[in-house]
Protein backbone atom coordinates (compact mmCIF):
# COMPACT_ATOMS: atom_id res chain seq x y z
CA MET A 1 -20.94 48.72 -31.66
CA ALA A 2 -19.86 48.15 -35.45
CA ILE A 3 -21.22 51.13 -37.65
CA LEU A 4 -21.28 51.20 -41.25
CA VAL A 5 -21.58 54.82 -42.73
CA LYS A 6 -22.43 56.47 -45.74
CA HIS A 7 -19.92 57.40 -47.75
CA PRO A 8 -18.13 59.22 -47.86
CA ASP A 9 -20.16 61.34 -45.12
CA GLY A 10 -23.22 60.27 -44.88
CA PRO A 11 -25.86 58.78 -42.59
CA ARG A 12 -24.68 55.88 -40.10
CA SER A 13 -26.30 51.96 -39.32
CA MET A 14 -25.50 51.21 -36.32
CA LEU A 15 -24.96 46.88 -37.20
CA LEU A 16 -27.16 43.97 -35.58
CA SER A 17 -25.78 40.86 -35.20
CA ARG A 18 -27.72 39.86 -38.49
CA HIS A 19 -27.78 43.00 -40.88
CA VAL A 20 -29.76 42.96 -44.16
CA VAL A 21 -29.33 45.42 -46.69
CA GLY A 22 -32.00 45.78 -49.15
CA ARG A 23 -35.11 47.68 -50.43
CA SER A 24 -37.23 45.15 -48.45
CA ARG A 25 -39.12 46.62 -45.64
CA LEU A 26 -37.63 44.02 -43.84
CA ALA A 27 -34.33 45.06 -44.66
CA ASP A 28 -32.31 46.42 -41.53
CA LEU A 29 -30.30 48.81 -43.59
CA ARG A 30 -33.64 49.91 -45.94
CA MET A 31 -32.18 51.59 -49.12
CA VAL A 32 -34.17 53.36 -51.78
CA GLU A 33 -31.93 53.01 -54.92
CA PRO A 34 -33.28 51.16 -57.51
CA THR A 35 -30.10 49.35 -57.98
CA VAL A 36 -30.49 47.60 -54.77
CA SER A 37 -32.18 44.03 -54.89
CA GLY A 38 -34.91 43.63 -52.48
CA GLU A 39 -32.48 41.85 -49.92
CA HIS A 40 -29.28 42.67 -51.40
CA ALA A 41 -26.98 41.46 -48.94
CA VAL A 42 -26.13 40.50 -45.23
CA LEU A 43 -23.42 41.47 -42.80
CA ARG A 44 -23.15 39.02 -40.08
CA TRP A 45 -21.52 38.57 -37.09
CA THR A 46 -19.60 35.20 -36.93
CA GLY A 47 -18.53 35.66 -32.87
CA ARG A 48 -14.72 36.37 -34.56
CA GLU A 49 -15.37 39.16 -36.67
CA TRP A 50 -17.83 40.99 -39.25
CA GLU A 51 -19.00 38.60 -42.72
CA LEU A 52 -20.52 39.99 -45.86
CA HIS A 53 -22.60 37.52 -47.84
CA ASP A 54 -23.97 38.74 -51.37
CA LEU A 55 -27.76 37.23 -51.51
CA GLY A 56 -27.39 36.81 -55.43
CA SER A 57 -28.09 40.30 -55.94
CA ARG A 58 -28.74 41.48 -59.37
CA ASN A 59 -26.16 44.21 -59.59
CA GLY A 60 -23.78 43.12 -57.41
CA THR A 61 -21.89 43.96 -54.30
CA SER A 62 -18.10 44.87 -53.91
CA VAL A 63 -15.54 45.61 -51.09
CA ASP A 64 -12.70 48.05 -52.08
CA GLY A 65 -13.51 47.94 -55.66
CA ARG A 66 -13.49 44.17 -55.96
CA ARG A 67 -17.04 43.12 -57.17
CA LEU A 68 -18.17 39.86 -55.05
CA ALA A 69 -19.51 36.65 -57.07
CA PRO A 70 -23.16 35.83 -56.60
CA GLY A 71 -23.45 34.63 -52.97
CA GLU A 72 -19.81 34.73 -51.96
CA ARG A 73 -19.37 35.33 -48.31
CA VAL A 74 -15.91 37.45 -47.13
CA ALA A 75 -14.50 39.02 -44.19
CA ILE A 76 -14.89 42.92 -43.60
CA LYS A 77 -12.22 44.82 -41.75
CA LEU A 78 -12.34 47.99 -40.33
CA GLY A 79 -12.38 50.55 -42.95
CA ALA A 80 -13.56 48.62 -45.75
CA VAL A 81 -15.82 50.73 -48.02
CA ILE A 82 -18.34 48.31 -49.70
CA ALA A 83 -20.65 49.04 -52.68
CA PHE A 84 -24.41 47.49 -52.85
CA GLY A 85 -25.87 47.98 -56.44
CA GLN A 86 -23.46 50.80 -58.10
CA ALA A 87 -20.48 52.19 -57.27
CA ASP A 88 -21.82 55.74 -56.00
CA ASN A 89 -23.89 53.82 -53.21
CA ALA A 90 -20.79 53.01 -50.92
CA TRP A 91 -20.74 52.47 -47.39
CA ARG A 92 -17.80 52.06 -45.36
CA LEU A 93 -17.27 50.29 -42.17
CA ALA A 94 -16.09 52.45 -39.57
CA ASP A 95 -16.12 50.63 -36.22
CA ASP A 96 -16.00 46.76 -36.40
CA ALA A 97 -16.93 46.34 -32.88
CA PRO A 98 -18.69 43.60 -31.76
CA PRO A 99 -22.53 43.69 -31.59
CA THR A 100 -24.50 44.39 -28.51
CA ILE A 101 -28.09 45.51 -27.22
CA MET A 102 -29.59 48.51 -28.87
CA ALA A 103 -32.68 50.00 -27.55
CA SER A 104 -34.60 52.30 -29.77
CA ALA A 105 -37.42 55.07 -29.61
CA SER A 106 -39.39 56.32 -32.39
CA ASP A 107 -36.56 57.95 -35.28
CA ASP A 108 -33.84 58.45 -32.97
CA GLU A 109 -30.40 56.96 -33.15
CA PRO A 110 -30.33 53.73 -31.20
CA LEU A 111 -28.80 53.73 -27.83
CA CYS A 112 -25.83 51.10 -27.24
CA ALA A 113 -25.28 48.92 -24.16
CA ARG A 114 -21.56 49.65 -23.37
CA ASN A 115 -19.80 46.58 -21.10
CA ASP A 116 -22.98 44.70 -21.64
CA LEU A 117 -24.92 47.54 -19.47
CA LEU A 118 -27.58 50.00 -20.81
CA ALA A 119 -29.62 52.42 -19.01
CA LEU A 120 -32.80 53.70 -20.18
CA PRO A 121 -33.25 56.88 -21.01
CA SER A 122 -29.69 57.61 -19.55
CA ASP A 123 -26.65 56.97 -17.20
CA ASP A 124 -27.48 60.27 -15.02
CA ASP A 125 -31.41 58.58 -15.37
CA PRO A 126 -31.73 54.88 -14.93
CA GLU A 127 -35.17 54.51 -14.56
CA ALA A 128 -34.86 50.77 -16.76
CA VAL A 129 -31.00 48.67 -17.12
CA VAL A 130 -30.83 46.23 -19.04
CA TYR A 131 -28.01 43.65 -19.20
CA ARG A 132 -26.34 40.19 -19.27
CA ASP A 133 -26.88 38.20 -16.18
CA SER A 134 -24.78 35.48 -14.85
CA ALA A 135 -26.37 33.36 -16.76
CA GLY A 136 -25.72 35.25 -19.91
CA HIS A 137 -29.40 36.43 -20.46
CA TRP A 138 -30.69 39.58 -21.16
CA VAL A 139 -32.61 41.01 -18.85
CA VAL A 140 -34.60 44.46 -17.89
CA GLU A 141 -34.07 45.29 -14.29
CA GLN A 142 -37.10 47.86 -13.63
CA GLY A 143 -38.81 49.45 -9.99
CA GLY A 144 -36.79 46.34 -8.22
CA GLU A 145 -37.72 43.50 -10.30
CA THR A 146 -36.10 41.79 -12.79
CA THR A 147 -37.34 40.34 -16.26
CA ARG A 148 -36.19 38.65 -19.01
CA ILE A 149 -36.45 40.03 -22.66
CA ALA A 150 -36.40 39.20 -26.10
CA ASP A 151 -35.76 40.56 -29.17
CA ARG A 152 -37.76 43.01 -30.22
CA GLY A 153 -39.32 43.72 -26.94
CA THR A 154 -40.20 46.36 -25.28
CA VAL A 155 -39.17 48.53 -22.37
CA ARG A 156 -41.24 52.02 -21.10
CA ALA A 157 -38.97 54.36 -19.56
CA GLY A 158 -38.63 58.28 -19.12
CA GLY A 159 -42.05 58.67 -20.71
CA ARG A 160 -40.93 56.49 -24.27
CA SER A 161 -41.23 53.18 -25.26
CA TYR A 162 -37.67 51.35 -26.56
CA VAL A 163 -37.83 48.65 -28.98
CA LEU A 164 -34.93 46.32 -27.30
CA ARG A 165 -33.32 44.70 -30.61
CA ILE A 166 -30.96 41.81 -28.74
CA PRO A 167 -27.74 40.27 -30.09
CA ASP A 168 -28.52 36.66 -31.65
CA ILE A 169 -24.86 35.18 -30.01
CA ILE A 170 -24.49 33.77 -27.31
CA ALA A 171 -22.17 35.33 -23.89
CA PRO A 172 -18.61 35.11 -24.25
CA THR A 173 -16.30 32.01 -23.30
CA TRP A 174 -14.69 33.03 -20.18
CA ASP A 175 -10.97 32.45 -21.28
CA ASN A 176 -9.01 31.23 -18.47
CA SER A 177 -6.14 33.10 -19.78
CA SER A 178 -7.61 36.86 -20.52
CA PRO A 179 -5.65 39.24 -18.85
CA ALA A 180 -9.42 40.88 -18.25
CA PRO A 181 -10.29 39.70 -14.55
CA HIS A 182 -13.77 38.33 -13.61
CA LEU A 183 -16.05 39.44 -11.07
CA ALA A 184 -16.55 35.77 -9.78
CA THR A 185 -12.24 35.10 -9.16
CA LEU A 186 -12.25 38.65 -7.07
CA THR A 187 -12.07 40.16 -3.17
CA LEU A 188 -13.86 42.54 -2.39
CA ARG A 189 -11.82 44.67 0.51
CA PHE A 190 -13.91 47.86 1.98
CA SER A 191 -11.45 50.31 3.72
CA VAL A 192 -13.86 52.04 5.93
CA SER A 193 -13.46 55.11 7.83
CA ARG A 194 -14.33 55.05 11.78
CA ASP A 195 -17.25 57.72 10.74
CA GLU A 196 -18.37 55.50 7.55
CA GLU A 197 -18.03 58.65 5.83
CA TYR A 198 -15.18 57.12 3.42
CA VAL A 199 -15.66 53.70 2.10
CA ALA A 200 -12.86 52.71 -0.38
CA LEU A 201 -13.18 49.64 -2.68
CA THR A 202 -10.68 47.44 -3.57
CA ALA A 203 -10.78 44.51 -5.78
CA ARG A 204 -8.64 41.55 -5.39
CA GLY A 205 -7.61 38.46 -7.72
CA ASP A 206 -4.88 36.27 -8.16
CA HIS A 207 -3.26 38.59 -11.19
CA HIS A 208 -5.37 41.96 -10.60
CA VAL A 209 -5.66 44.44 -8.22
CA ILE A 210 -8.09 47.63 -9.44
CA ASP A 211 -7.97 50.33 -6.77
CA LEU A 212 -11.80 51.70 -7.41
CA GLY A 213 -11.34 55.00 -5.10
CA ALA A 214 -13.77 55.82 -2.81
CA ARG A 215 -17.69 56.46 -3.83
CA ALA A 216 -21.02 56.99 -2.48
CA HIS A 217 -22.36 54.43 -4.42
CA HIS A 218 -19.73 51.98 -2.17
CA ASN A 219 -22.23 52.65 0.87
CA VAL A 220 -24.75 50.33 -1.07
CA LEU A 221 -21.77 47.55 -1.42
CA LEU A 222 -20.76 47.83 2.05
CA THR A 223 -24.24 47.22 3.57
CA LEU A 224 -24.77 44.69 1.04
CA ALA A 225 -21.33 43.12 2.48
CA ARG A 226 -22.07 43.47 6.00
CA SER A 227 -25.37 41.79 5.38
CA ARG A 228 -23.84 38.93 4.00
CA LEU A 229 -20.88 38.29 6.68
CA GLU A 230 -24.30 38.66 9.01
CA ASP A 231 -25.82 35.87 7.74
CA ARG A 232 -22.95 34.07 7.68
CA LYS A 233 -21.86 34.44 11.57
CA ALA A 234 -25.40 33.59 12.58
CA ARG A 235 -25.56 30.36 10.61
CA GLN A 236 -21.91 28.72 11.66
CA GLY A 237 -22.92 30.19 15.83
CA ALA A 238 -25.97 28.67 15.81
CA THR A 239 -24.73 25.37 13.76
CA GLY A 240 -20.92 25.58 13.38
CA GLU A 241 -21.56 25.22 9.82
CA ARG A 242 -20.79 27.74 7.15
CA PRO A 243 -24.48 29.04 5.06
CA PRO A 244 -24.75 27.96 2.08
CA GLU A 245 -24.10 31.05 -0.51
CA SER A 246 -27.56 31.12 -2.44
CA SER A 247 -29.04 32.03 1.06
CA GLU A 248 -27.06 34.45 2.64
CA GLY A 249 -26.90 37.98 2.38
CA TRP A 250 -30.57 38.53 0.99
CA ILE A 251 -32.25 41.99 2.19
CA TYR A 252 -35.26 43.88 1.05
CA GLN A 253 -34.93 46.55 -1.47
CA ASP A 254 -37.38 48.59 0.96
CA ASP A 255 -35.37 47.79 4.24
CA LEU A 256 -31.92 48.49 2.62
CA ALA A 257 -33.09 52.26 0.84
CA LYS A 258 -34.10 52.88 4.85
CA GLN A 259 -30.95 51.65 6.04
CA LEU A 260 -29.05 54.04 3.55
CA ALA A 261 -31.63 56.94 4.51
CA ILE A 262 -32.54 56.83 1.04
CA ASP A 263 -35.71 56.57 -1.65
CA GLU A 264 -35.57 53.54 -3.77
CA THR A 265 -35.39 56.09 -6.83
CA HIS A 266 -32.04 57.16 -5.48
CA LEU A 267 -30.84 53.24 -4.36
CA ASN A 268 -31.85 52.14 -8.55
CA VAL A 269 -29.12 54.97 -8.82
CA ALA A 270 -26.70 54.14 -6.72
CA VAL A 271 -26.83 50.30 -7.73
CA PHE A 272 -26.39 51.56 -11.29
CA ARG A 273 -23.58 53.37 -10.80
CA CYS A 274 -21.62 50.03 -9.04
CA ARG A 275 -22.40 48.04 -12.12
CA ARG A 276 -20.73 51.16 -14.56
CA GLN A 277 -18.04 51.58 -12.34
CA LEU A 278 -17.07 47.98 -12.46
CA ALA A 279 -17.52 47.60 -16.21
CA GLU A 280 -15.68 50.96 -16.60
CA ALA A 281 -12.62 49.21 -15.27
CA GLY A 282 -12.79 45.97 -17.27
CA ILE A 283 -14.65 43.74 -15.28
CA ILE A 284 -16.22 41.17 -16.92
CA GLY A 285 -19.19 40.13 -15.68
CA ALA A 286 -19.64 43.45 -13.02
CA ALA A 287 -23.56 43.84 -14.17
CA SER A 288 -23.52 40.50 -11.44
CA ILE A 289 -22.09 42.66 -8.35
CA ILE A 290 -25.89 43.33 -6.97
CA GLU A 291 -27.99 40.55 -7.53
CA ARG A 292 -31.68 40.50 -7.62
CA ARG A 293 -34.30 37.46 -6.56
CA ARG A 294 -37.57 37.31 -8.27
CA PRO A 295 -40.13 38.26 -6.80
CA THR A 296 -39.76 39.17 -3.66
CA ARG A 297 -37.41 42.60 -4.39
CA GLU A 298 -34.95 41.38 -2.43
CA LEU A 299 -31.10 41.83 -3.58
CA ARG A 300 -27.54 40.98 -2.15
CA LEU A 301 -24.06 41.46 -3.20
CA GLY A 302 -22.98 39.05 -5.76
CA LEU A 303 -19.79 38.25 -3.78
CA SER A 304 -18.98 35.88 -1.47
CA ARG A 305 -15.72 36.95 -0.64
CA ILE A 306 -15.35 39.91 1.65
CA GLU A 307 -12.87 41.52 3.75
CA ILE A 308 -13.82 45.41 5.51
CA VAL A 309 -11.20 47.20 7.29
CA THR A 310 -11.50 50.08 9.49
CA VAL A 311 -8.92 53.04 8.02
């Protein structure tokens, strides 16, 4: 998440995909200096880099000491110092990462998604989870149900109301040559002890082998994997044909919780931990490891290529 910091050690502002700077009450970075215009400048993510656009301000905008022409646009790099209206109103680009979704509650600093995954109120208490689904839409998952969200939509979690700011950019195009693995290309291999106390997981692709180790939350994925394989086997036994992938493996959330001998709150925490682990491992589209179906509160494993071995 890109961050603009008042130079040298002042307040900071996390940048939206289009971030207006000025004295207007509608500005995203609101200033009080009289030399700053109502809508002075805008910072915008182009899809590749951050761009600064002077909006014809009366007292000008400068980057690293060079004053921009009125209306000029210029790419800005990490560490660039931008002055709005006067030299001592300078802000430094301390982080130039692409924009992502943010959630704000009152005047607290916004919470930002990591790897397109945001838990509210926290990772340890993921009462609501915001993520980008396989279609590229931002959705919020709460209470076993999933709903698409819009910019400035609100979510209540942990007794607080959060306003969501969604970046005005489409999901990145999947680059076949990228070294990062995409969830849709992987096979999940479960290594399970005979007493099922140990469940290790490996994700394999054409050019990747990702050892995800043994974690308690892998039991959720294992149970969902077995549900897909059982549906597949039953359909093939009855008709000799493999069932369509869209129909296999769905299980009601309360039934899954009973099978795992946990309550639904703990199940939702485990689902979040599965997603977070895969996302932190660098897997693109990690949130889709668990799919949900509205309005039935059913869920399933989001991959069809599954191997289960006993160790």
